[in-house]
Structure formats: structure tokens, C-alpha cells
Amino acid sequence: MHAIASELEAKGARLAYDGSTHDPADPAGKLFFTILGAMAEFEADLIRARTRGGVAIAKAEGRMLGRTPKLSALQRRRLLADY
């Protein structure tokens, strides 16, 4: 996030949000960008943690068995025998 803010600052960009303008060059703007980045990272971490938890529960309950095979057992044996 800091790299993006530095790039925006070098280009002279400003963020206008809800009637106020935030400049990544001044201290308040840097704080705002840092808080936005921290919140985005926090939200992404929460989504990953919830997904991992849900997958673990589904596996424990036997609901995630993986992809169903395209070939039946007989088709697979015949294919391997032909090979």
C-alpha cells in the first residue's frame, strides 16, 4: 500500500472521498492511506481464515470428497489395459 501511495504521490494524484480530499503527501493523507491498507489486509485475512475454517469443517464432516472421476472403474481398467 505504501508503494502505491508513493506512486500516487509522485504522479500528483489525490483521493476525493465523501467531500474531502486526501493527499498522500501530507501526514493526514499518509495516515488515511495506511488505515485503508490495514483494513483491506485485515478483511482479506478474515476471509482466508473463515474459508480455511469452513473447508476444515466440511472435510471433517465428509462433505468434501473431491472431484468425481470422469471414468468408471471398468473404463479405467480397460484404458490402462489398452495402454
N, C-alpha and C. Protein backbone atom coordinates (compact mmCIF):
# COMPACT_ATOMS: atom_id res chain seq x y z
N MET A 1 0.82 -1.19 0.00
CA MET A 1 0.00 0.00 0.00
C MET A 1 0.87 1.26 0.00
N HIS A 2 1.99 1.18 0.73
CA HIS A 2 2.88 2.35 0.77
C HIS A 2 3.49 2.61 -0.59
N ALA A 3 3.80 1.54 -1.33
CA ALA A 3 4.37 1.71 -2.67
C ALA A 3 3.34 2.37 -3.59
N ILE A 4 2.10 1.97 -3.49
CA ILE A 4 1.04 2.57 -4.31
C ILE A 4 0.86 4.03 -3.93
N ALA A 5 0.86 4.31 -2.63
CA ALA A 5 0.71 5.70 -2.17
C ALA A 5 1.88 6.55 -2.65
N SER A 6 3.07 6.01 -2.63
CA SER A 6 4.25 6.75 -3.11
C SER A 6 4.14 7.03 -4.61
N GLU A 7 3.65 6.04 -5.36
CA GLU A 7 3.47 6.23 -6.80
C GLU A 7 2.41 7.29 -7.08
N LEU A 8 1.31 7.26 -6.33
CA LEU A 8 0.27 8.27 -6.49
C LEU A 8 0.80 9.65 -6.14
N GLU A 9 1.59 9.71 -5.08
CA GLU A 9 2.17 10.99 -4.66
C GLU A 9 3.09 11.54 -5.75
N ALA A 10 3.91 10.67 -6.34
CA ALA A 10 4.82 11.10 -7.40
C ALA A 10 4.06 11.62 -8.62
N LYS A 11 2.88 11.06 -8.88
CA LYS A 11 2.07 11.49 -10.03
C LYS A 11 1.18 12.68 -9.70
N GLY A 12 1.16 13.08 -8.43
CA GLY A 12 0.34 14.22 -8.03
C GLY A 12 -1.13 13.90 -7.87
N ALA A 13 -1.46 12.64 -7.67
CA ALA A 13 -2.86 12.22 -7.53
C ALA A 13 -3.38 12.53 -6.13
N ARG A 14 -4.68 12.70 -6.06
CA ARG A 14 -5.35 12.93 -4.78
C ARG A 14 -6.56 12.01 -4.71
N LEU A 15 -6.97 11.65 -3.52
CA LEU A 15 -8.16 10.82 -3.32
C LEU A 15 -9.27 11.71 -2.79
N ALA A 16 -10.35 11.80 -3.55
CA ALA A 16 -11.52 12.56 -3.11
C ALA A 16 -12.55 11.56 -2.64
N TYR A 17 -12.92 11.66 -1.37
CA TYR A 17 -13.86 10.71 -0.78
C TYR A 17 -14.80 11.45 0.15
N ASP A 18 -16.09 11.32 -0.11
CA ASP A 18 -17.12 11.88 0.76
C ASP A 18 -16.93 13.37 1.02
N GLY A 19 -16.60 14.09 -0.04
CA GLY A 19 -16.49 15.54 0.08
C GLY A 19 -15.15 16.03 0.58
N SER A 20 -14.24 15.15 0.97
CA SER A 20 -12.93 15.60 1.42
C SER A 20 -11.86 15.02 0.50
N THR A 21 -10.76 15.74 0.38
CA THR A 21 -9.66 15.31 -0.48
C THR A 21 -8.49 14.89 0.38
N HIS A 22 -7.94 13.71 0.07
CA HIS A 22 -6.80 13.19 0.83
C HIS A 22 -5.58 13.17 -0.07
N ASP A 23 -4.55 13.84 0.37
CA ASP A 23 -3.29 13.92 -0.37
C ASP A 23 -2.31 12.94 0.26
N PRO A 24 -1.78 11.99 -0.51
CA PRO A 24 -0.84 11.02 0.07
C PRO A 24 0.49 11.64 0.50
N ALA A 25 0.70 12.92 0.18
CA ALA A 25 1.96 13.57 0.54
C ALA A 25 1.93 14.16 1.95
N ASP A 26 0.75 14.56 2.43
CA ASP A 26 0.72 15.17 3.76
C ASP A 26 0.48 14.10 4.84
N PRO A 27 0.78 14.41 6.10
CA PRO A 27 0.68 13.42 7.17
C PRO A 27 -0.71 12.80 7.33
N ALA A 28 -1.75 13.63 7.24
CA ALA A 28 -3.11 13.10 7.39
C ALA A 28 -3.44 12.15 6.23
N GLY A 29 -3.00 12.48 5.04
CA GLY A 29 -3.23 11.62 3.88
C GLY A 29 -2.50 10.30 4.01
N LYS A 30 -1.25 10.37 4.50
CA LYS A 30 -0.49 9.13 4.73
C LYS A 30 -1.19 8.24 5.75
N LEU A 31 -1.69 8.85 6.81
CA LEU A 31 -2.42 8.10 7.82
C LEU A 31 -3.66 7.45 7.22
N PHE A 32 -4.40 8.20 6.42
CA PHE A 32 -5.61 7.69 5.80
C PHE A 32 -5.30 6.50 4.90
N PHE A 33 -4.28 6.63 4.04
CA PHE A 33 -3.89 5.53 3.16
C PHE A 33 -3.41 4.32 3.95
N THR A 34 -2.69 4.54 5.02
CA THR A 34 -2.21 3.43 5.85
C THR A 34 -3.38 2.70 6.51
N ILE A 35 -4.34 3.45 7.01
CA ILE A 35 -5.51 2.84 7.62
C ILE A 35 -6.32 2.06 6.59
N LEU A 36 -6.49 2.62 5.39
CA LEU A 36 -7.20 1.90 4.33
C LEU A 36 -6.50 0.59 4.00
N GLY A 37 -5.18 0.64 3.89
CA GLY A 37 -4.41 -0.57 3.59
C GLY A 37 -4.52 -1.61 4.69
N ALA A 38 -4.46 -1.15 5.93
CA ALA A 38 -4.56 -2.07 7.07
C ALA A 38 -5.94 -2.72 7.12
N MET A 39 -6.98 -1.95 6.85
CA MET A 39 -8.34 -2.50 6.86
C MET A 39 -8.52 -3.51 5.72
N ALA A 40 -7.97 -3.21 4.55
CA ALA A 40 -8.09 -4.14 3.42
C ALA A 40 -7.35 -5.44 3.72
N GLU A 41 -6.16 -5.34 4.30
CA GLU A 41 -5.40 -6.53 4.66
C GLU A 41 -6.12 -7.35 5.74
N PHE A 42 -6.68 -6.66 6.71
CA PHE A 42 -7.43 -7.32 7.78
C PHE A 42 -8.62 -8.08 7.21
N GLU A 43 -9.36 -7.43 6.32
CA GLU A 43 -10.52 -8.07 5.72
C GLU A 43 -10.12 -9.30 4.90
N ALA A 44 -9.04 -9.19 4.14
CA ALA A 44 -8.57 -10.33 3.34
C ALA A 44 -8.14 -11.48 4.25
N ASP A 45 -7.48 -11.17 5.34
CA ASP A 45 -7.07 -12.21 6.31
C ASP A 45 -8.29 -12.89 6.94
N LEU A 46 -9.31 -12.10 7.27
CA LEU A 46 -10.53 -12.69 7.83
C LEU A 46 -11.20 -13.64 6.84
N ILE A 47 -11.27 -13.24 5.58
CA ILE A 47 -11.88 -14.10 4.56
C ILE A 47 -11.10 -15.40 4.43
N ARG A 48 -9.76 -15.31 4.40
CA ARG A 48 -8.93 -16.52 4.30
C ARG A 48 -9.14 -17.42 5.52
N ALA A 49 -9.18 -16.84 6.71
CA ALA A 49 -9.35 -17.64 7.92
C ALA A 49 -10.72 -18.33 7.95
N ARG A 50 -11.75 -17.61 7.55
CA ARG A 50 -13.09 -18.21 7.53
C ARG A 50 -13.17 -19.30 6.49
N THR A 51 -12.54 -19.09 5.35
CA THR A 51 -12.55 -20.11 4.30
C THR A 51 -11.83 -21.37 4.77
N ARG A 52 -10.66 -21.20 5.38
CA ARG A 52 -9.93 -22.36 5.90
C ARG A 52 -10.75 -23.10 6.95
N GLY A 53 -11.41 -22.36 7.82
CA GLY A 53 -12.25 -22.98 8.84
C GLY A 53 -13.41 -23.74 8.24
N GLY A 54 -14.06 -23.15 7.25
CA GLY A 54 -15.18 -23.82 6.59
C GLY A 54 -14.76 -25.07 5.86
N VAL A 55 -13.61 -25.02 5.20
CA VAL A 55 -13.09 -26.19 4.48
C VAL A 55 -12.74 -27.30 5.47
N ALA A 56 -12.13 -26.94 6.59
CA ALA A 56 -11.77 -27.94 7.60
C ALA A 56 -13.02 -28.62 8.16
N ILE A 57 -14.06 -27.84 8.43
CA ILE A 57 -15.30 -28.41 8.94
C ILE A 57 -15.94 -29.33 7.90
N ALA A 58 -15.97 -28.89 6.64
CA ALA A 58 -16.56 -29.70 5.58
C ALA A 58 -15.79 -31.00 5.39
N LYS A 59 -14.47 -30.95 5.46
CA LYS A 59 -13.67 -32.17 5.34
C LYS A 59 -13.93 -33.11 6.51
N ALA A 60 -14.03 -32.55 7.72
CA ALA A 60 -14.27 -33.37 8.90
C ALA A 60 -15.64 -34.06 8.82
N GLU A 61 -16.59 -33.40 8.21
CA GLU A 61 -17.93 -33.97 8.08
C GLU A 61 -18.07 -34.84 6.84
N GLY A 62 -17.00 -34.93 6.04
CA GLY A 62 -17.02 -35.78 4.86
C GLY A 62 -17.79 -35.20 3.69
N ARG A 63 -17.97 -33.91 3.66
CA ARG A 63 -18.70 -33.27 2.57
C ARG A 63 -17.81 -32.87 1.41
N MET A 64 -16.49 -32.88 1.61
CA MET A 64 -15.58 -32.52 0.53
C MET A 64 -14.82 -33.78 0.12
N LEU A 65 -15.35 -34.44 -0.84
CA LEU A 65 -14.76 -35.70 -1.28
C LEU A 65 -13.88 -35.51 -2.50
N GLY A 66 -13.83 -34.33 -3.02
CA GLY A 66 -13.01 -34.07 -4.19
C GLY A 66 -13.82 -34.22 -5.46
N ARG A 67 -13.11 -34.15 -6.54
CA ARG A 67 -13.73 -34.20 -7.86
C ARG A 67 -14.18 -35.63 -8.17
N THR A 68 -15.35 -35.77 -8.78
CA THR A 68 -15.83 -37.10 -9.16
C THR A 68 -15.08 -37.56 -10.41
N PRO A 69 -14.70 -38.84 -10.46
CA PRO A 69 -13.94 -39.33 -11.60
C PRO A 69 -14.76 -39.30 -12.89
N LYS A 70 -14.11 -39.00 -13.99
CA LYS A 70 -14.77 -38.98 -15.29
C LYS A 70 -15.03 -40.40 -15.80
N LEU A 71 -14.11 -41.30 -15.47
CA LEU A 71 -14.22 -42.68 -15.94
C LEU A 71 -14.71 -43.58 -14.81
N SER A 72 -15.48 -44.59 -15.18
CA SER A 72 -15.87 -45.59 -14.20
C SER A 72 -14.67 -46.49 -13.93
N ALA A 73 -14.76 -47.33 -12.92
CA ALA A 73 -13.65 -48.23 -12.60
C ALA A 73 -13.37 -49.17 -13.76
N LEU A 74 -14.41 -49.65 -14.41
CA LEU A 74 -14.25 -50.55 -15.55
C LEU A 74 -13.57 -49.83 -16.73
N GLN A 75 -14.00 -48.61 -17.02
CA GLN A 75 -13.38 -47.84 -18.10
C GLN A 75 -11.91 -47.59 -17.82
N ARG A 76 -11.60 -47.30 -16.59
CA ARG A 76 -10.20 -47.04 -16.21
C ARG A 76 -9.36 -48.29 -16.40
N ARG A 77 -9.86 -49.44 -15.94
CA ARG A 77 -9.11 -50.69 -16.11
C ARG A 77 -8.88 -51.00 -17.58
N ARG A 78 -9.92 -50.83 -18.42
CA ARG A 78 -9.80 -51.09 -19.85
C ARG A 78 -8.79 -50.15 -20.50
N LEU A 79 -8.85 -48.89 -20.12
CA LEU A 79 -7.92 -47.90 -20.67
C LEU A 79 -6.48 -48.25 -20.30
N LEU A 80 -6.26 -48.62 -19.05
CA LEU A 80 -4.91 -48.99 -18.60
C LEU A 80 -4.45 -50.29 -19.29
N ALA A 81 -5.36 -51.21 -19.48
CA ALA A 81 -5.00 -52.45 -20.17
C ALA A 81 -4.64 -52.18 -21.62
N ASP A 82 -5.38 -51.30 -22.28
CA ASP A 82 -5.09 -50.94 -23.67
C ASP A 82 -3.76 -50.22 -23.78
N TYR A 83 -3.46 -49.41 -22.79
CA TYR A 83 -2.20 -48.65 -22.80
C TYR A 83 -1.03 -49.59 -22.71
